[in-house]
N, C-alpha and C. Protein backbone atom coordinates (compact mmCIF):
# COMPACT_ATOMS: atom_id res chain seq x y z
N MET A 1 -4.50 -8.60 -61.16
CA MET A 1 -5.17 -7.47 -60.44
C MET A 1 -6.23 -8.01 -60.03
N ALA A 2 -6.16 -8.13 -58.65
CA ALA A 2 -7.53 -8.93 -57.66
C ALA A 2 -8.52 -7.44 -57.31
N SER A 3 -9.59 -7.51 -57.89
CA SER A 3 -10.35 -6.32 -57.34
C SER A 3 -10.85 -6.48 -56.41
N MET A 4 -11.01 -5.17 -55.80
CA MET A 4 -12.40 -5.17 -54.35
C MET A 4 -13.75 -5.59 -54.41
N MET A 5 -14.27 -6.52 -53.37
CA MET A 5 -15.31 -6.82 -53.40
C MET A 5 -16.44 -5.46 -52.94
N PRO A 6 -17.00 -4.64 -53.47
CA PRO A 6 -17.68 -3.84 -53.15
C PRO A 6 -18.34 -3.72 -51.85
N THR A 7 -18.55 -2.57 -50.90
CA THR A 7 -19.11 -2.66 -49.58
C THR A 7 -20.42 -2.90 -49.12
N LYS A 8 -21.36 -2.46 -50.41
CA LYS A 8 -22.50 -3.28 -50.54
C LYS A 8 -23.03 -4.61 -50.40
N CYS A 9 -21.61 -5.04 -51.07
CA CYS A 9 -22.02 -7.06 -51.33
C CYS A 9 -21.50 -7.86 -50.32
N LYS A 10 -20.87 -7.01 -48.89
CA LYS A 10 -20.15 -7.70 -47.69
C LYS A 10 -21.37 -8.05 -46.96
N GLY A 11 -22.02 -7.42 -46.19
CA GLY A 11 -23.20 -7.99 -45.66
C GLY A 11 -24.48 -8.63 -46.25
N SER A 12 -24.14 -9.09 -47.68
CA SER A 12 -25.64 -9.47 -48.60
C SER A 12 -24.67 -11.14 -48.11
N LEU A 13 -23.22 -11.10 -49.01
CA LEU A 13 -22.48 -12.42 -48.76
C LEU A 13 -22.49 -13.28 -47.32
N ILE A 14 -21.94 -12.22 -46.42
CA ILE A 14 -22.09 -12.81 -45.01
C ILE A 14 -23.61 -14.27 -44.53
N ASN A 15 -24.42 -13.52 -45.48
CA ASN A 15 -26.19 -14.28 -44.92
C ASN A 15 -25.91 -14.59 -45.69
N LEU A 16 -25.65 -14.88 -47.24
CA LEU A 16 -25.67 -15.81 -47.74
C LEU A 16 -25.02 -17.34 -47.62
N ALA A 17 -23.55 -16.70 -47.01
CA ALA A 17 -22.79 -17.82 -46.54
C ALA A 17 -23.27 -18.69 -45.64
N ARG A 18 -24.54 -18.21 -44.58
CA ARG A 18 -25.00 -19.08 -43.78
C ARG A 18 -25.45 -19.84 -44.46
N ILE A 19 -26.58 -20.17 -45.00
CA ILE A 19 -27.51 -20.57 -45.58
C ILE A 19 -26.62 -21.89 -45.85
N GLY A 20 -27.21 -23.11 -45.85
CA GLY A 20 -27.07 -24.52 -46.43
C GLY A 20 -26.08 -25.06 -45.42
N GLY A 21 -25.97 -26.57 -45.90
CA GLY A 21 -25.53 -27.48 -44.95
C GLY A 21 -23.82 -27.43 -44.73
N LEU A 22 -23.57 -28.35 -43.87
CA LEU A 22 -21.80 -28.16 -44.06
C LEU A 22 -20.91 -29.11 -44.59
N GLU A 23 -22.21 -30.55 -45.02
CA GLU A 23 -20.49 -31.17 -45.76
C GLU A 23 -20.13 -30.69 -46.67
N LEU A 24 -19.16 -30.82 -46.79
CA LEU A 24 -18.13 -30.47 -48.25
C LEU A 24 -18.36 -31.48 -49.20
N GLY A 25 -19.00 -31.11 -50.09
CA GLY A 25 -19.07 -31.69 -51.56
C GLY A 25 -20.69 -32.12 -51.53
N SER A 26 -21.75 -32.36 -51.12
CA SER A 26 -23.13 -31.96 -50.52
C SER A 26 -23.71 -31.37 -51.72
N THR A 27 -24.82 -31.38 -52.14
CA THR A 27 -25.83 -29.94 -52.85
C THR A 27 -25.54 -29.33 -52.88
N ARG A 28 -26.37 -29.17 -51.57
CA ARG A 28 -26.82 -28.21 -50.92
C ARG A 28 -25.47 -26.75 -50.20
N VAL A 29 -24.19 -27.69 -50.33
CA VAL A 29 -23.28 -26.36 -50.26
C VAL A 29 -23.11 -26.31 -51.38
N GLU A 30 -22.82 -27.11 -52.37
CA GLU A 30 -22.72 -26.74 -54.10
C GLU A 30 -23.57 -25.02 -54.23
N ALA A 31 -24.70 -25.73 -53.43
CA ALA A 31 -25.75 -24.88 -54.48
C ALA A 31 -25.40 -23.33 -54.17
N LYS A 32 -24.98 -23.05 -52.38
CA LYS A 32 -24.94 -22.07 -52.00
C LYS A 32 -23.86 -21.47 -52.19
N TRP A 33 -22.79 -22.21 -52.77
CA TRP A 33 -21.36 -21.33 -53.61
C TRP A 33 -22.08 -21.08 -54.93
N ASN A 34 -22.79 -21.45 -55.39
CA ASN A 34 -22.99 -20.62 -57.05
C ASN A 34 -24.27 -20.17 -56.47
N SER A 35 -24.94 -19.73 -55.65
CA SER A 35 -25.81 -18.50 -55.54
C SER A 35 -25.09 -17.85 -55.11
N ILE A 36 -24.20 -17.41 -54.10
CA ILE A 36 -22.58 -16.53 -54.00
C ILE A 36 -22.38 -15.83 -55.00
N THR A 37 -21.89 -16.95 -55.90
CA THR A 37 -21.40 -16.34 -56.98
C THR A 37 -22.51 -15.64 -57.99
N SER A 38 -23.29 -16.31 -58.19
CA SER A 38 -24.36 -15.41 -58.81
C SER A 38 -24.60 -14.16 -58.49
N TYR A 39 -24.99 -13.85 -57.21
CA TYR A 39 -25.09 -12.61 -56.30
C TYR A 39 -23.52 -11.96 -57.02
N CYS A 40 -22.33 -12.61 -56.58
CA CYS A 40 -21.35 -11.39 -56.93
C CYS A 40 -21.02 -11.36 -58.22
N LYS A 41 -21.37 -12.11 -59.35
CA LYS A 41 -21.59 -11.48 -60.61
C LYS A 41 -22.48 -10.47 -61.12
N ARG A 42 -23.72 -11.07 -60.80
CA ARG A 42 -24.55 -9.76 -60.53
C ARG A 42 -24.34 -8.47 -59.56
N GLN A 43 -23.13 -8.04 -59.24
CA GLN A 43 -22.47 -6.90 -58.53
C GLN A 43 -21.14 -6.79 -59.14
N GLY A 44 -21.20 -7.11 -60.23
CA GLY A 44 -19.62 -6.78 -60.55
C GLY A 44 -18.15 -7.05 -60.07
N VAL A 45 -18.55 -8.67 -59.59
CA VAL A 45 -17.58 -9.06 -59.14
C VAL A 45 -17.64 -10.62 -59.92
N ASN A 46 -16.25 -10.73 -60.62
CA ASN A 46 -16.08 -11.62 -60.73
C ASN A 46 -15.13 -13.35 -60.15
N ARG A 47 -15.92 -14.40 -59.86
CA ARG A 47 -15.27 -14.93 -58.53
C ARG A 47 -16.19 -16.09 -59.26
N GLY A 48 -15.58 -17.25 -58.90
CA GLY A 48 -16.38 -18.93 -59.01
C GLY A 48 -16.89 -19.37 -57.51
N PRO A 49 -17.21 -20.54 -57.73
CA PRO A 49 -17.40 -21.16 -56.29
C PRO A 49 -16.60 -21.59 -55.33
N ILE A 50 -15.57 -21.86 -55.83
CA ILE A 50 -13.92 -22.42 -55.29
C ILE A 50 -13.37 -21.25 -55.15
N GLN A 51 -13.37 -20.36 -55.37
CA GLN A 51 -12.79 -18.69 -55.15
C GLN A 51 -13.52 -18.42 -54.01
N CYS A 52 -15.09 -18.20 -54.31
CA CYS A 52 -15.47 -18.02 -53.17
C CYS A 52 -15.63 -18.21 -51.72
N HIS A 53 -15.36 -19.52 -52.11
CA HIS A 53 -15.93 -20.62 -50.36
C HIS A 53 -13.88 -19.95 -49.88
N LYS A 54 -13.25 -20.86 -51.02
CA LYS A 54 -12.16 -20.32 -50.41
C LYS A 54 -11.10 -19.00 -49.37
N ARG A 55 -12.37 -17.84 -50.11
CA ARG A 55 -11.71 -16.76 -49.36
C ARG A 55 -13.04 -16.58 -48.48
N TRP A 56 -14.26 -17.05 -48.51
CA TRP A 56 -14.69 -16.89 -47.22
C TRP A 56 -14.46 -18.46 -45.60
N SER A 57 -13.33 -19.40 -46.25
CA SER A 57 -12.83 -20.19 -45.47
C SER A 57 -11.81 -19.32 -44.63
N ASN A 58 -10.98 -18.46 -45.84
CA ASN A 58 -9.82 -17.80 -45.21
C ASN A 58 -10.39 -16.27 -44.11
N LEU A 59 -10.92 -15.98 -44.84
CA LEU A 59 -11.69 -14.75 -43.22
C LEU A 59 -12.37 -15.34 -42.20
N ALA A 60 -13.15 -16.51 -42.13
CA ALA A 60 -13.69 -16.98 -41.24
C ALA A 60 -12.52 -17.26 -40.20
N GLY A 61 -11.58 -17.84 -40.82
CA GLY A 61 -10.72 -18.41 -40.02
C GLY A 61 -9.66 -17.40 -39.53
N ASP A 62 -9.61 -16.76 -40.32
CA ASP A 62 -8.83 -15.08 -39.95
C ASP A 62 -9.78 -14.18 -38.75
N PHE A 63 -10.64 -14.37 -38.64
CA PHE A 63 -11.65 -13.82 -37.39
C PHE A 63 -11.66 -14.62 -36.25
N LYS A 64 -11.53 -16.15 -36.46
CA LYS A 64 -11.53 -16.53 -35.48
C LYS A 64 -10.43 -16.50 -34.45
N LYS A 65 -8.99 -16.51 -35.33
CA LYS A 65 -7.55 -15.65 -34.98
C LYS A 65 -8.07 -14.38 -33.92
N ILE A 66 -8.53 -13.50 -34.77
CA ILE A 66 -8.40 -12.48 -33.94
C ILE A 66 -8.95 -12.45 -32.90
N LYS A 67 -10.28 -13.10 -32.88
CA LYS A 67 -11.34 -12.83 -31.49
C LYS A 67 -10.42 -13.78 -30.44
N SER A 68 -9.56 -14.94 -30.57
CA SER A 68 -9.52 -15.71 -29.60
C SER A 68 -8.03 -14.95 -29.30
N GLY A 69 -7.80 -13.99 -29.93
CA GLY A 69 -6.39 -13.11 -29.98
C GLY A 69 -4.87 -14.04 -29.84
N SER A 70 -5.17 -14.97 -30.92
CA SER A 70 -3.94 -15.66 -31.12
C SER A 70 -3.15 -15.71 -32.21
N LEU A 71 -3.16 -14.20 -32.63
CA LEU A 71 -2.64 -13.55 -33.89
C LEU A 71 -1.09 -12.77 -33.54
N GLY A 72 -1.25 -13.36 -31.86
CA GLY A 72 0.39 -12.56 -31.71
C GLY A 72 0.78 -10.83 -32.00
N LEU A 73 -0.55 -10.05 -31.83
CA LEU A 73 -1.05 -8.81 -31.98
C LEU A 73 -0.78 -8.79 -30.81
N LYS A 74 -0.08 -7.50 -30.09
CA LYS A 74 0.00 -7.13 -28.98
C LYS A 74 -0.93 -5.61 -28.58
N LYS A 75 -1.62 -5.72 -27.55
CA LYS A 75 -2.89 -4.82 -27.01
C LYS A 75 -1.95 -3.56 -26.38
N LYS A 76 -2.50 -2.67 -27.10
CA LYS A 76 -1.80 -1.46 -26.31
C LYS A 76 -2.21 -0.50 -25.25
């Protein structure tokens, strides 16, 4: 059963995810996701760096789809 991330964490995690390099496998990227993982654990959310990165990537992709209107949702 997946736990929901506390609302107070979301804004801080967004800011933390913006820090660091863009090259996958670089030390800066690994440090960024390790930092985010540590923050989550302090807030009671148990996720590893790979899971944090995957969830962030999924959220960012969905946001771009919603923003561009390519999700196939019809406006009322």
